[in-house]
N, C-alpha and C. Protein backbone atom coordinates (compact mmCIF):
# COMPACT_ATOMS: atom_id res chain seq x y z
N MET A 1 0.86 -1.20 0.00
CA MET A 1 0.00 0.00 0.00
C MET A 1 0.89 1.25 0.00
N ASP A 2 0.43 2.26 -0.69
CA ASP A 2 1.16 3.52 -0.78
C ASP A 2 1.40 4.08 0.62
N PRO A 3 2.65 4.42 0.96
CA PRO A 3 2.93 4.98 2.29
C PRO A 3 2.10 6.21 2.62
N ALA A 4 1.81 7.03 1.62
CA ALA A 4 1.00 8.22 1.87
C ALA A 4 -0.41 7.84 2.31
N VAL A 5 -0.96 6.80 1.68
CA VAL A 5 -2.29 6.33 2.07
C VAL A 5 -2.27 5.77 3.48
N VAL A 6 -1.22 5.02 3.79
CA VAL A 6 -1.07 4.47 5.14
C VAL A 6 -1.00 5.60 6.17
N ALA A 7 -0.23 6.65 5.83
CA ALA A 7 -0.10 7.78 6.75
C ALA A 7 -1.44 8.47 6.97
N VAL A 8 -2.22 8.65 5.89
CA VAL A 8 -3.53 9.30 6.01
C VAL A 8 -4.48 8.45 6.86
N ILE A 9 -4.48 7.13 6.61
CA ILE A 9 -5.34 6.24 7.39
C ILE A 9 -4.92 6.27 8.86
N GLY A 10 -3.60 6.22 9.09
CA GLY A 10 -3.12 6.27 10.47
C GLY A 10 -3.50 7.55 11.17
N LEU A 11 -3.41 8.68 10.45
CA LEU A 11 -3.79 9.97 11.04
C LEU A 11 -5.27 9.99 11.37
N CYS A 12 -6.11 9.47 10.46
CA CYS A 12 -7.55 9.44 10.70
C CYS A 12 -7.90 8.59 11.92
N VAL A 13 -7.23 7.45 12.03
CA VAL A 13 -7.46 6.58 13.19
C VAL A 13 -7.05 7.29 14.47
N PHE A 14 -5.88 7.94 14.41
CA PHE A 14 -5.39 8.67 15.59
C PHE A 14 -6.36 9.76 16.02
N LEU A 15 -6.86 10.54 15.04
CA LEU A 15 -7.78 11.63 15.36
C LEU A 15 -9.11 11.09 15.89
N ALA A 16 -9.55 9.96 15.35
CA ALA A 16 -10.79 9.35 15.85
C ALA A 16 -10.62 8.88 17.29
N LEU A 17 -9.48 8.26 17.57
CA LEU A 17 -9.21 7.82 18.94
C LEU A 17 -9.08 9.02 19.88
N TRP A 18 -8.41 10.07 19.38
CA TRP A 18 -8.28 11.28 20.19
C TRP A 18 -9.65 11.87 20.51
N TYR A 19 -10.52 11.90 19.50
CA TYR A 19 -11.87 12.44 19.71
C TYR A 19 -12.60 11.68 20.81
N GLY A 20 -12.55 10.35 20.72
CA GLY A 20 -13.24 9.55 21.74
C GLY A 20 -12.65 9.75 23.12
N GLY A 21 -11.31 9.76 23.18
CA GLY A 21 -10.66 9.96 24.47
C GLY A 21 -10.91 11.35 25.03
N GLY A 22 -10.86 12.36 24.15
CA GLY A 22 -11.11 13.72 24.61
C GLY A 22 -12.53 13.92 25.11
N HIS A 23 -13.48 13.29 24.41
CA HIS A 23 -14.88 13.41 24.83
C HIS A 23 -15.09 12.74 26.19
N LEU A 24 -14.51 11.56 26.38
CA LEU A 24 -14.65 10.86 27.65
C LEU A 24 -14.00 11.64 28.78
N TYR A 25 -12.80 12.20 28.50
CA TYR A 25 -12.11 12.99 29.53
C TYR A 25 -12.95 14.22 29.90
N ASN A 26 -13.45 14.93 28.89
CA ASN A 26 -14.24 16.12 29.17
C ASN A 26 -15.52 15.79 29.92
N ARG A 27 -16.13 14.68 29.58
CA ARG A 27 -17.37 14.29 30.26
C ARG A 27 -17.12 14.07 31.75
N ARG A 28 -16.05 13.33 32.05
CA ARG A 28 -15.73 13.08 33.46
C ARG A 28 -15.31 14.35 34.18
N ARG A 29 -14.55 15.19 33.46
CA ARG A 29 -14.10 16.44 34.07
C ARG A 29 -15.28 17.39 34.30
N GLY A 30 -16.20 17.44 33.35
CA GLY A 30 -17.37 18.28 33.53
C GLY A 30 -18.18 17.87 34.75
N GLN A 31 -18.34 16.56 34.94
CA GLN A 31 -19.07 16.08 36.10
C GLN A 31 -18.34 16.42 37.40
N ARG A 32 -17.00 16.31 37.35
CA ARG A 32 -16.22 16.64 38.55
C ARG A 32 -16.33 18.12 38.89
N LEU A 33 -16.19 18.97 37.88
CA LEU A 33 -16.27 20.40 38.12
C LEU A 33 -17.65 20.80 38.62
N PHE A 34 -18.68 20.15 38.08
CA PHE A 34 -20.04 20.47 38.52
C PHE A 34 -20.24 20.07 39.98
N ARG A 35 -19.72 18.92 40.37
CA ARG A 35 -19.84 18.49 41.77
C ARG A 35 -19.12 19.47 42.69
N TRP A 36 -17.94 19.91 42.25
CA TRP A 36 -17.19 20.89 43.05
C TRP A 36 -18.00 22.17 43.23
N LEU A 37 -18.57 22.67 42.16
CA LEU A 37 -19.33 23.92 42.22
C LEU A 37 -20.61 23.75 43.01
N GLU A 38 -21.31 22.67 42.77
CA GLU A 38 -22.62 22.45 43.40
C GLU A 38 -22.49 22.39 44.92
N ALA A 39 -21.37 21.90 45.42
CA ALA A 39 -21.19 21.75 46.87
C ALA A 39 -21.26 23.07 47.61
N GLY A 40 -20.99 24.19 46.93
CA GLY A 40 -21.00 25.48 47.61
C GLY A 40 -22.11 26.42 47.23
N LEU A 41 -23.06 25.96 46.42
CA LEU A 41 -24.06 26.87 45.89
C LEU A 41 -25.07 27.35 46.91
N ASP A 42 -25.24 26.62 48.00
CA ASP A 42 -26.24 27.02 48.99
C ASP A 42 -25.97 28.40 49.57
N VAL A 43 -24.71 28.84 49.57
CA VAL A 43 -24.40 30.15 50.14
C VAL A 43 -24.98 31.28 49.28
N LEU A 44 -25.30 30.98 48.01
CA LEU A 44 -25.80 32.01 47.11
C LEU A 44 -27.31 32.10 47.07
N GLY A 45 -28.00 31.11 47.61
CA GLY A 45 -29.46 31.12 47.60
C GLY A 45 -30.02 29.75 47.31
N GLY A 46 -31.26 29.53 47.69
CA GLY A 46 -31.82 28.20 47.58
C GLY A 46 -32.54 27.91 46.28
N ASP A 47 -33.01 28.95 45.58
CA ASP A 47 -33.78 28.74 44.35
C ASP A 47 -32.85 28.78 43.15
N ARG A 48 -32.70 27.64 42.48
CA ARG A 48 -31.80 27.61 41.33
C ARG A 48 -32.22 26.55 40.33
N GLU A 49 -31.75 26.76 39.10
CA GLU A 49 -31.97 25.83 38.00
C GLU A 49 -30.60 25.48 37.42
N ALA A 50 -30.41 24.23 37.05
CA ALA A 50 -29.11 23.79 36.53
C ALA A 50 -29.31 22.87 35.34
N GLY A 51 -28.38 22.90 34.41
CA GLY A 51 -28.45 22.01 33.25
C GLY A 51 -27.12 22.00 32.53
N TRP A 52 -26.90 20.92 31.76
CA TRP A 52 -25.68 20.79 30.98
C TRP A 52 -25.77 21.62 29.70
N LEU A 53 -24.64 22.03 29.20
CA LEU A 53 -24.57 22.72 27.91
C LEU A 53 -24.51 21.69 26.80
N GLY A 54 -25.58 20.98 26.62
CA GLY A 54 -25.62 19.87 25.67
C GLY A 54 -25.25 18.57 26.34
N SER A 55 -24.08 18.52 26.96
CA SER A 55 -23.63 17.33 27.68
C SER A 55 -22.58 17.76 28.69
N PRO A 56 -22.22 16.90 29.66
CA PRO A 56 -21.17 17.25 30.61
C PRO A 56 -19.83 17.55 29.94
N ALA A 57 -19.62 17.06 28.72
CA ALA A 57 -18.36 17.29 28.02
C ALA A 57 -18.17 18.74 27.61
N ALA A 58 -19.26 19.50 27.52
CA ALA A 58 -19.18 20.90 27.13
C ALA A 58 -19.18 21.83 28.32
N GLY A 59 -19.92 21.48 29.36
CA GLY A 59 -20.00 22.33 30.54
C GLY A 59 -21.41 22.37 31.09
N ALA A 60 -21.66 23.32 31.97
CA ALA A 60 -22.96 23.41 32.64
C ALA A 60 -23.28 24.86 32.92
N ARG A 61 -24.57 25.12 33.10
CA ARG A 61 -25.02 26.48 33.46
C ARG A 61 -26.00 26.36 34.63
N ILE A 62 -25.82 27.23 35.60
CA ILE A 62 -26.66 27.26 36.79
C ILE A 62 -27.22 28.67 36.96
N ASN A 63 -28.52 28.78 37.12
CA ASN A 63 -29.17 30.05 37.38
C ASN A 63 -29.68 30.08 38.81
N VAL A 64 -29.20 31.01 39.58
CA VAL A 64 -29.71 31.24 40.94
C VAL A 64 -30.73 32.36 40.83
N THR A 65 -31.99 32.03 40.97
CA THR A 65 -33.07 32.98 40.68
C THR A 65 -33.43 33.87 41.87
N ARG A 66 -33.05 33.48 43.05
CA ARG A 66 -33.31 34.31 44.23
C ARG A 66 -32.07 34.26 45.12
N GLY A 67 -31.11 35.12 44.81
CA GLY A 67 -29.84 35.09 45.50
C GLY A 67 -29.88 35.76 46.86
N THR A 68 -28.92 35.40 47.69
CA THR A 68 -28.77 36.04 48.99
C THR A 68 -27.99 37.34 48.80
N PRO A 69 -28.24 38.35 49.67
CA PRO A 69 -27.56 39.64 49.52
C PRO A 69 -26.04 39.47 49.52
N PRO A 70 -25.35 40.28 48.72
CA PRO A 70 -25.83 41.44 47.96
C PRO A 70 -26.40 41.10 46.58
N PHE A 71 -26.50 39.81 46.27
CA PHE A 71 -26.94 39.41 44.93
C PHE A 71 -28.46 39.25 44.88
N ARG A 72 -29.01 39.61 43.73
CA ARG A 72 -30.41 39.36 43.46
C ARG A 72 -30.57 38.05 42.68
N ARG A 73 -29.75 37.89 41.68
CA ARG A 73 -29.74 36.65 40.88
C ARG A 73 -28.37 36.48 40.25
N LEU A 74 -28.05 35.23 39.89
CA LEU A 74 -26.75 34.93 39.30
C LEU A 74 -26.90 33.91 38.19
N GLU A 75 -26.03 34.01 37.21
CA GLU A 75 -25.88 32.99 36.17
C GLU A 75 -24.43 32.51 36.22
N ILE A 76 -24.24 31.22 36.47
CA ILE A 76 -22.90 30.65 36.62
C ILE A 76 -22.70 29.61 35.53
N THR A 77 -21.62 29.75 34.78
CA THR A 77 -21.34 28.85 33.66
C THR A 77 -19.98 28.19 33.84
N LEU A 78 -19.96 26.88 33.70
CA LEU A 78 -18.72 26.12 33.58
C LEU A 78 -18.53 25.82 32.10
N LEU A 79 -17.42 26.27 31.55
CA LEU A 79 -17.18 26.10 30.12
C LEU A 79 -15.87 25.36 29.91
N LEU A 80 -15.96 24.15 29.36
CA LEU A 80 -14.77 23.32 29.19
C LEU A 80 -14.10 23.56 27.84
N GLU A 81 -12.79 23.35 27.83
CA GLU A 81 -12.07 23.39 26.56
C GLU A 81 -12.62 22.32 25.62
N ASN A 82 -12.55 22.60 24.32
CA ASN A 82 -12.92 21.60 23.31
C ASN A 82 -11.73 20.68 23.08
N ARG A 83 -11.70 19.58 23.82
CA ARG A 83 -10.56 18.67 23.72
C ARG A 83 -10.78 17.56 22.69
N GLU A 84 -11.98 17.48 22.13
CA GLU A 84 -12.27 16.38 21.21
C GLU A 84 -11.54 16.53 19.87
N ILE A 85 -11.44 17.75 19.38
CA ILE A 85 -10.83 17.99 18.06
C ILE A 85 -9.43 18.54 18.29
N LEU A 86 -8.43 17.72 18.02
CA LEU A 86 -7.05 18.03 18.38
C LEU A 86 -6.56 19.38 17.84
N PRO A 87 -6.70 19.69 16.55
CA PRO A 87 -6.18 20.98 16.06
C PRO A 87 -6.81 22.18 16.77
N LEU A 88 -8.13 22.12 17.00
CA LEU A 88 -8.81 23.23 17.66
C LEU A 88 -8.35 23.36 19.11
N TRP A 89 -8.18 22.20 19.77
CA TRP A 89 -7.72 22.23 21.16
C TRP A 89 -6.32 22.83 21.25
N LEU A 90 -5.41 22.42 20.36
CA LEU A 90 -4.05 22.94 20.38
C LEU A 90 -4.05 24.45 20.16
N LEU A 91 -4.85 24.91 19.22
CA LEU A 91 -4.90 26.34 18.90
C LEU A 91 -5.40 27.14 20.10
N SER A 92 -6.50 26.70 20.70
CA SER A 92 -7.06 27.43 21.83
C SER A 92 -6.16 27.33 23.06
N HIS A 93 -5.51 26.18 23.24
CA HIS A 93 -4.62 25.99 24.38
C HIS A 93 -3.40 26.92 24.27
N LEU A 94 -2.87 27.05 23.07
CA LEU A 94 -1.73 27.93 22.87
C LEU A 94 -2.11 29.40 23.08
N ARG A 95 -3.37 29.70 22.88
CA ARG A 95 -3.86 31.07 23.13
C ARG A 95 -4.19 31.31 24.59
N GLY A 96 -3.98 30.31 25.43
CA GLY A 96 -4.19 30.48 26.86
C GLY A 96 -5.57 30.14 27.36
N LYS A 97 -6.42 29.57 26.51
CA LYS A 97 -7.77 29.23 26.95
C LYS A 97 -7.74 27.95 27.78
N ARG A 98 -8.47 27.96 28.90
CA ARG A 98 -8.54 26.82 29.79
C ARG A 98 -10.00 26.61 30.20
N ASP A 99 -10.25 25.54 30.94
CA ASP A 99 -11.59 25.34 31.50
C ASP A 99 -11.95 26.56 32.34
N GLY A 100 -13.10 27.16 32.05
CA GLY A 100 -13.41 28.44 32.67
C GLY A 100 -14.65 28.44 33.54
N LEU A 101 -14.65 29.35 34.48
CA LEU A 101 -15.81 29.64 35.32
C LEU A 101 -16.23 31.07 35.02
N ILE A 102 -17.48 31.25 34.65
CA ILE A 102 -18.02 32.57 34.33
C ILE A 102 -19.20 32.84 35.25
N ILE A 103 -19.15 33.96 35.95
CA ILE A 103 -20.23 34.34 36.86
C ILE A 103 -20.76 35.71 36.45
N LYS A 104 -22.07 35.79 36.23
CA LYS A 104 -22.74 37.05 35.97
C LYS A 104 -23.78 37.26 37.07
N ALA A 105 -23.70 38.41 37.73
CA ALA A 105 -24.55 38.64 38.89
C ALA A 105 -25.25 39.99 38.81
N THR A 106 -26.51 39.98 39.21
CA THR A 106 -27.28 41.20 39.37
C THR A 106 -27.35 41.54 40.85
N LEU A 107 -27.00 42.77 41.21
CA LEU A 107 -27.00 43.18 42.61
C LEU A 107 -28.37 43.70 43.02
N ARG A 108 -28.65 43.59 44.30
CA ARG A 108 -29.88 44.16 44.83
C ARG A 108 -29.84 45.68 44.83
N SER A 109 -28.64 46.23 45.07
CA SER A 109 -28.46 47.68 45.08
C SER A 109 -27.29 48.04 44.18
N PRO A 110 -27.55 48.39 42.93
CA PRO A 110 -26.46 48.74 42.01
C PRO A 110 -25.66 49.94 42.52
N ARG A 111 -24.38 49.98 42.17
CA ARG A 111 -23.48 51.07 42.53
C ARG A 111 -23.30 52.02 41.36
N ARG A 112 -22.91 53.24 41.67
CA ARG A 112 -22.67 54.22 40.62
C ARG A 112 -21.25 54.11 40.07
N GLY A 113 -20.34 53.60 40.86
CA GLY A 113 -18.97 53.44 40.41
C GLY A 113 -18.79 52.20 39.55
N GLU A 114 -17.70 52.20 38.76
CA GLU A 114 -17.39 51.07 37.89
C GLU A 114 -15.95 50.65 38.12
N VAL A 115 -15.72 49.32 38.10
CA VAL A 115 -14.39 48.76 38.35
C VAL A 115 -14.11 47.70 37.31
N GLU A 116 -12.89 47.70 36.78
CA GLU A 116 -12.45 46.66 35.86
C GLU A 116 -11.10 46.13 36.35
N ILE A 117 -10.97 44.81 36.41
CA ILE A 117 -9.71 44.17 36.81
C ILE A 117 -9.34 43.17 35.72
N MET A 118 -8.13 43.27 35.19
CA MET A 118 -7.75 42.45 34.04
C MET A 118 -6.23 42.51 33.86
N PRO A 119 -5.66 41.60 33.04
CA PRO A 119 -4.24 41.70 32.71
C PRO A 119 -3.93 43.01 32.00
N ALA A 120 -2.75 43.54 32.26
CA ALA A 120 -2.40 44.87 31.75
C ALA A 120 -2.26 44.90 30.24
N THR A 121 -1.91 43.78 29.62
CA THR A 121 -1.57 43.78 28.19
C THR A 121 -2.69 43.24 27.29
N GLY A 122 -3.82 42.89 27.86
CA GLY A 122 -4.88 42.29 27.07
C GLY A 122 -5.69 43.31 26.30
N PRO A 123 -6.57 42.86 25.40
CA PRO A 123 -7.39 43.77 24.59
C PRO A 123 -8.37 44.59 25.42
N VAL A 124 -8.82 44.05 26.56
CA VAL A 124 -9.75 44.81 27.40
C VAL A 124 -9.08 46.06 27.93
N ALA A 125 -7.85 45.90 28.45
CA ALA A 125 -7.11 47.04 28.98
C ALA A 125 -6.84 48.07 27.89
N GLN A 126 -6.50 47.60 26.72
CA GLN A 126 -6.22 48.52 25.61
C GLN A 126 -7.47 49.31 25.24
N GLY A 127 -8.62 48.65 25.24
CA GLY A 127 -9.86 49.34 24.93
C GLY A 127 -10.23 50.37 25.97
N LEU A 128 -10.02 50.05 27.25
CA LEU A 128 -10.34 51.00 28.32
C LEU A 128 -9.44 52.24 28.26
N ARG A 129 -8.18 52.03 27.90
CA ARG A 129 -7.26 53.16 27.84
C ARG A 129 -7.63 54.13 26.71
N ARG A 130 -8.37 53.67 25.74
CA ARG A 130 -8.79 54.54 24.63
C ARG A 130 -10.05 55.34 24.94
N GLU A 131 -10.69 55.06 26.07
CA GLU A 131 -11.91 55.79 26.43
C GLU A 131 -11.53 57.14 27.02
N GLN A 132 -11.60 58.18 26.22
CA GLN A 132 -11.17 59.51 26.63
C GLN A 132 -12.30 60.33 27.25
N GLU A 133 -13.54 60.05 26.85
CA GLU A 133 -14.65 60.88 27.33
C GLU A 133 -14.86 60.70 28.83
N ARG A 134 -14.78 59.47 29.30
CA ARG A 134 -14.88 59.18 30.73
C ARG A 134 -13.68 58.31 31.09
N PRO A 135 -12.53 58.92 31.30
CA PRO A 135 -11.30 58.15 31.52
C PRO A 135 -11.31 57.39 32.84
N TRP A 136 -10.50 56.35 32.88
CA TRP A 136 -10.37 55.51 34.05
C TRP A 136 -9.13 55.90 34.85
N THR A 137 -9.21 55.68 36.15
CA THR A 137 -8.04 55.78 37.02
C THR A 137 -7.45 54.38 37.15
N TRP A 138 -6.11 54.28 37.02
CA TRP A 138 -5.45 52.98 36.97
C TRP A 138 -4.54 52.79 38.18
N GLN A 139 -4.47 51.54 38.64
CA GLN A 139 -3.50 51.18 39.66
C GLN A 139 -3.11 49.72 39.48
N GLU A 140 -1.93 49.38 39.92
CA GLU A 140 -1.45 48.01 39.81
C GLU A 140 -2.11 47.13 40.88
N GLY A 141 -2.41 45.90 40.49
CA GLY A 141 -2.93 44.92 41.42
C GLY A 141 -1.98 43.73 41.53
N PRO A 142 -2.34 42.71 42.27
CA PRO A 142 -1.48 41.54 42.41
C PRO A 142 -1.51 40.66 41.16
N TYR A 143 -0.51 39.80 41.03
CA TYR A 143 -0.46 38.78 39.97
C TYR A 143 -0.44 39.37 38.56
N GLY A 144 0.14 40.55 38.42
CA GLY A 144 0.22 41.16 37.10
C GLY A 144 -1.08 41.76 36.60
N LEU A 145 -2.05 41.88 37.46
CA LEU A 145 -3.34 42.47 37.08
C LEU A 145 -3.31 43.99 37.26
N PHE A 146 -4.17 44.65 36.51
CA PHE A 146 -4.36 46.08 36.70
C PHE A 146 -5.81 46.34 37.09
N ILE A 147 -6.00 47.36 37.92
CA ILE A 147 -7.33 47.75 38.38
C ILE A 147 -7.65 49.13 37.82
N ALA A 148 -8.78 49.24 37.14
CA ALA A 148 -9.23 50.52 36.61
C ALA A 148 -10.59 50.84 37.24
N TYR A 149 -10.78 52.10 37.62
CA TYR A 149 -12.06 52.47 38.22
C TYR A 149 -12.42 53.90 37.85
N ARG A 150 -13.72 54.18 37.89
CA ARG A 150 -14.21 55.52 37.60
C ARG A 150 -15.62 55.67 38.20
N GLY A 151 -16.01 56.90 38.47
CA GLY A 151 -17.34 57.16 38.98
C GLY A 151 -17.37 57.31 40.48
N SER A 152 -18.51 57.71 40.98
CA SER A 152 -18.71 57.97 42.40
C SER A 152 -18.55 56.70 43.22
N GLY A 153 -17.66 56.73 44.19
CA GLY A 153 -17.47 55.60 45.09
C GLY A 153 -16.66 54.46 44.51
N ALA A 154 -16.16 54.60 43.29
CA ALA A 154 -15.47 53.49 42.64
C ALA A 154 -14.16 53.14 43.33
N ARG A 155 -13.47 54.14 43.86
CA ARG A 155 -12.21 53.86 44.55
C ARG A 155 -12.45 52.97 45.77
N ALA A 156 -13.51 53.25 46.51
CA ALA A 156 -13.84 52.42 47.67
C ALA A 156 -14.26 51.02 47.24
N GLN A 157 -14.97 50.91 46.12
CA GLN A 157 -15.34 49.59 45.61
C GLN A 157 -14.10 48.77 45.29
N ALA A 158 -13.14 49.40 44.60
CA ALA A 158 -11.90 48.70 44.25
C ALA A 158 -11.13 48.29 45.50
N ALA A 159 -11.08 49.17 46.49
CA ALA A 159 -10.37 48.86 47.73
C ALA A 159 -11.03 47.71 48.48
N GLY A 160 -12.36 47.65 48.43
CA GLY A 160 -13.07 46.58 49.11
C GLY A 160 -12.82 45.22 48.51
N LEU A 161 -12.45 45.18 47.24
CA LEU A 161 -12.18 43.92 46.56
C LEU A 161 -10.75 43.43 46.77
N ALA A 162 -9.88 44.26 47.34
CA ALA A 162 -8.45 43.95 47.43
C ALA A 162 -8.16 42.64 48.15
N PRO A 163 -8.74 42.35 49.33
CA PRO A 163 -8.42 41.08 50.00
C PRO A 163 -8.83 39.87 49.17
N TRP A 164 -9.98 39.93 48.54
CA TRP A 164 -10.43 38.81 47.70
C TRP A 164 -9.50 38.65 46.51
N LEU A 165 -9.04 39.75 45.95
CA LEU A 165 -8.15 39.70 44.81
C LEU A 165 -6.80 39.09 45.18
N GLU A 166 -6.32 39.37 46.38
CA GLU A 166 -5.07 38.77 46.84
C GLU A 166 -5.21 37.25 46.94
N ALA A 167 -6.41 36.79 47.32
CA ALA A 167 -6.62 35.35 47.50
C ALA A 167 -6.85 34.62 46.18
N TYR A 168 -7.52 35.25 45.23
CA TYR A 168 -7.94 34.53 44.02
C TYR A 168 -7.50 35.18 42.71
N GLY A 169 -6.77 36.28 42.79
CA GLY A 169 -6.39 36.99 41.57
C GLY A 169 -5.52 36.19 40.63
N ALA A 170 -4.78 35.21 41.15
CA ALA A 170 -3.90 34.40 40.29
C ALA A 170 -4.69 33.60 39.26
N HIS A 171 -5.97 33.35 39.53
CA HIS A 171 -6.80 32.54 38.64
C HIS A 171 -7.78 33.39 37.82
N LEU A 172 -7.68 34.70 37.96
CA LEU A 172 -8.67 35.59 37.37
C LEU A 172 -8.27 36.03 35.97
N HIS A 173 -9.22 35.95 35.04
CA HIS A 173 -9.02 36.51 33.71
C HIS A 173 -9.59 37.93 33.63
N ARG A 174 -10.73 38.13 34.27
CA ARG A 174 -11.34 39.46 34.25
C ARG A 174 -12.41 39.55 35.34
N PHE A 175 -12.48 40.73 35.95
CA PHE A 175 -13.56 41.04 36.88
C PHE A 175 -14.10 42.40 36.48
N SER A 176 -15.39 42.45 36.20
CA SER A 176 -16.02 43.68 35.73
C SER A 176 -17.19 44.03 36.64
N TRP A 177 -17.21 45.28 37.12
CA TRP A 177 -18.31 45.76 37.97
C TRP A 177 -18.84 47.02 37.30
N ARG A 178 -20.02 46.93 36.72
CA ARG A 178 -20.59 48.03 35.96
C ARG A 178 -21.95 48.45 36.53
N LYS A 179 -22.42 49.60 36.04
CA LYS A 179 -23.73 50.10 36.48
C LYS A 179 -24.86 49.34 35.80
N ALA A 180 -24.61 48.82 34.62
CA ALA A 180 -25.65 48.11 33.86
C ALA A 180 -25.73 46.65 34.31
N ASP A 181 -26.89 46.07 34.20
CA ASP A 181 -27.13 44.66 34.51
C ASP A 181 -26.63 43.78 33.36
N PRO A 182 -25.86 42.71 33.63
CA PRO A 182 -25.42 42.22 34.93
C PRO A 182 -24.30 43.08 35.51
N HIS A 183 -24.45 43.43 36.77
CA HIS A 183 -23.52 44.37 37.38
C HIS A 183 -22.13 43.78 37.58
N ILE A 184 -22.08 42.50 37.92
CA ILE A 184 -20.81 41.82 38.16
C ILE A 184 -20.61 40.75 37.08
N GLN A 185 -19.44 40.75 36.44
CA GLN A 185 -19.07 39.68 35.52
C GLN A 185 -17.66 39.24 35.85
N LEU A 186 -17.50 37.94 36.04
CA LEU A 186 -16.22 37.38 36.47
C LEU A 186 -15.86 36.22 35.56
N GLN A 187 -14.61 36.17 35.13
CA GLN A 187 -14.10 35.06 34.33
C GLN A 187 -12.82 34.56 34.99
N ALA A 188 -12.76 33.26 35.27
CA ALA A 188 -11.61 32.70 35.99
C ALA A 188 -11.25 31.33 35.44
N ASN A 189 -10.01 30.94 35.66
CA ASN A 189 -9.53 29.61 35.35
C ASN A 189 -9.98 28.67 36.47
N VAL A 190 -10.93 27.79 36.18
CA VAL A 190 -11.53 26.99 37.23
C VAL A 190 -10.56 25.95 37.80
N ALA A 191 -9.59 25.49 37.00
CA ALA A 191 -8.65 24.48 37.48
C ALA A 191 -7.87 25.00 38.68
N GLY A 192 -7.53 26.29 38.68
CA GLY A 192 -6.78 26.86 39.79
C GLY A 192 -7.59 26.99 41.06
N LEU A 193 -8.90 26.89 40.95
CA LEU A 193 -9.76 27.05 42.12
C LEU A 193 -10.11 25.73 42.80
N LEU A 194 -9.80 24.62 42.15
CA LEU A 194 -10.27 23.33 42.67
C LEU A 194 -9.67 22.96 44.01
N ALA A 195 -8.50 23.53 44.35
CA ALA A 195 -7.90 23.23 45.64
C ALA A 195 -8.66 23.89 46.79
N THR A 196 -9.54 24.83 46.44
CA THR A 196 -10.34 25.54 47.44
C THR A 196 -11.78 25.07 47.35
N PRO A 197 -12.43 24.74 48.46
CA PRO A 197 -13.86 24.40 48.39
C PRO A 197 -14.65 25.52 47.74
N SER A 198 -15.59 25.16 46.91
CA SER A 198 -16.37 26.19 46.22
C SER A 198 -17.14 27.06 47.21
N GLU A 199 -17.53 26.49 48.33
CA GLU A 199 -18.23 27.28 49.35
C GLU A 199 -17.33 28.42 49.84
N THR A 200 -16.05 28.12 50.06
CA THR A 200 -15.11 29.15 50.50
C THR A 200 -14.94 30.23 49.44
N PHE A 201 -14.79 29.80 48.19
CA PHE A 201 -14.61 30.76 47.10
C PHE A 201 -15.84 31.65 46.94
N LEU A 202 -17.02 31.06 46.91
CA LEU A 202 -18.25 31.83 46.70
C LEU A 202 -18.58 32.71 47.90
N THR A 203 -18.32 32.22 49.11
CA THR A 203 -18.53 33.04 50.30
C THR A 203 -17.60 34.25 50.28
N GLY A 204 -16.35 34.03 49.86
CA GLY A 204 -15.41 35.13 49.77
C GLY A 204 -15.85 36.17 48.75
N LEU A 205 -16.34 35.72 47.62
CA LEU A 205 -16.84 36.65 46.60
C LEU A 205 -18.03 37.43 47.12
N GLN A 206 -18.94 36.74 47.75
CA GLN A 206 -20.14 37.38 48.31
C GLN A 206 -19.76 38.44 49.34
N ALA A 207 -18.82 38.10 50.21
CA ALA A 207 -18.40 39.03 51.26
C ALA A 207 -17.66 40.23 50.65
N ALA A 208 -16.82 39.98 49.64
CA ALA A 208 -16.05 41.08 49.03
C ALA A 208 -16.97 42.06 48.32
N VAL A 209 -17.90 41.54 47.54
CA VAL A 209 -18.82 42.44 46.83
C VAL A 209 -19.74 43.17 47.82
N GLY A 210 -20.19 42.44 48.85
CA GLY A 210 -21.04 43.06 49.85
C GLY A 210 -20.33 44.18 50.59
N SER A 211 -19.07 43.94 50.94
CA SER A 211 -18.29 44.97 51.64
C SER A 211 -18.02 46.17 50.75
N ALA A 212 -17.65 45.89 49.49
CA ALA A 212 -17.32 46.98 48.58
C ALA A 212 -18.55 47.76 48.15
N ALA A 213 -19.74 47.16 48.26
CA ALA A 213 -20.97 47.82 47.80
C ALA A 213 -21.58 48.72 48.87
N ARG A 214 -21.04 48.71 50.05
CA ARG A 214 -21.64 49.54 51.11
C ARG A 214 -21.39 51.01 50.91
């Protein structure tokens, strides 16, 4: 048989095996991450809805419809890397994408100030620096992050988040606190949080936002 044909067949077999293995790995990982998250959800409120994003291999979404203060409601998403298709996984992995935790929260009492926390060199920071009409005040944060804030009371909001940021900033991709709903948006690398019980993480977030919102 032509060596080129053998190579193509071998590659197809390898990719098919990779797809099956990646799907199985993601399915088990999705279930594990969901169990980790679910264990701490009671601190956010008792009324919630949960479901998979198609299957455990893709992730899950949880809606807390009646949150405990300072939250009114929350949408929490676990989003797994696409490990089934090798080229896509390699591309996204090289770009720094990992299994993610996304939290969007509506506050009971919105604030007038706005806070953004993100890596200094990312596109979000570059976009904020171009906003001349309502410029941001900038300060350095831990773990190579930068904190930008503007508006009434925003400096106090940023200061109130400092202890929580020291504890979890190493895993943070972005933290956004805006006047518009959803008021809080958080993106983090969930793998870095697994060493901490989700109850501890969520309680810390709740306390930090509650303190900063006063």
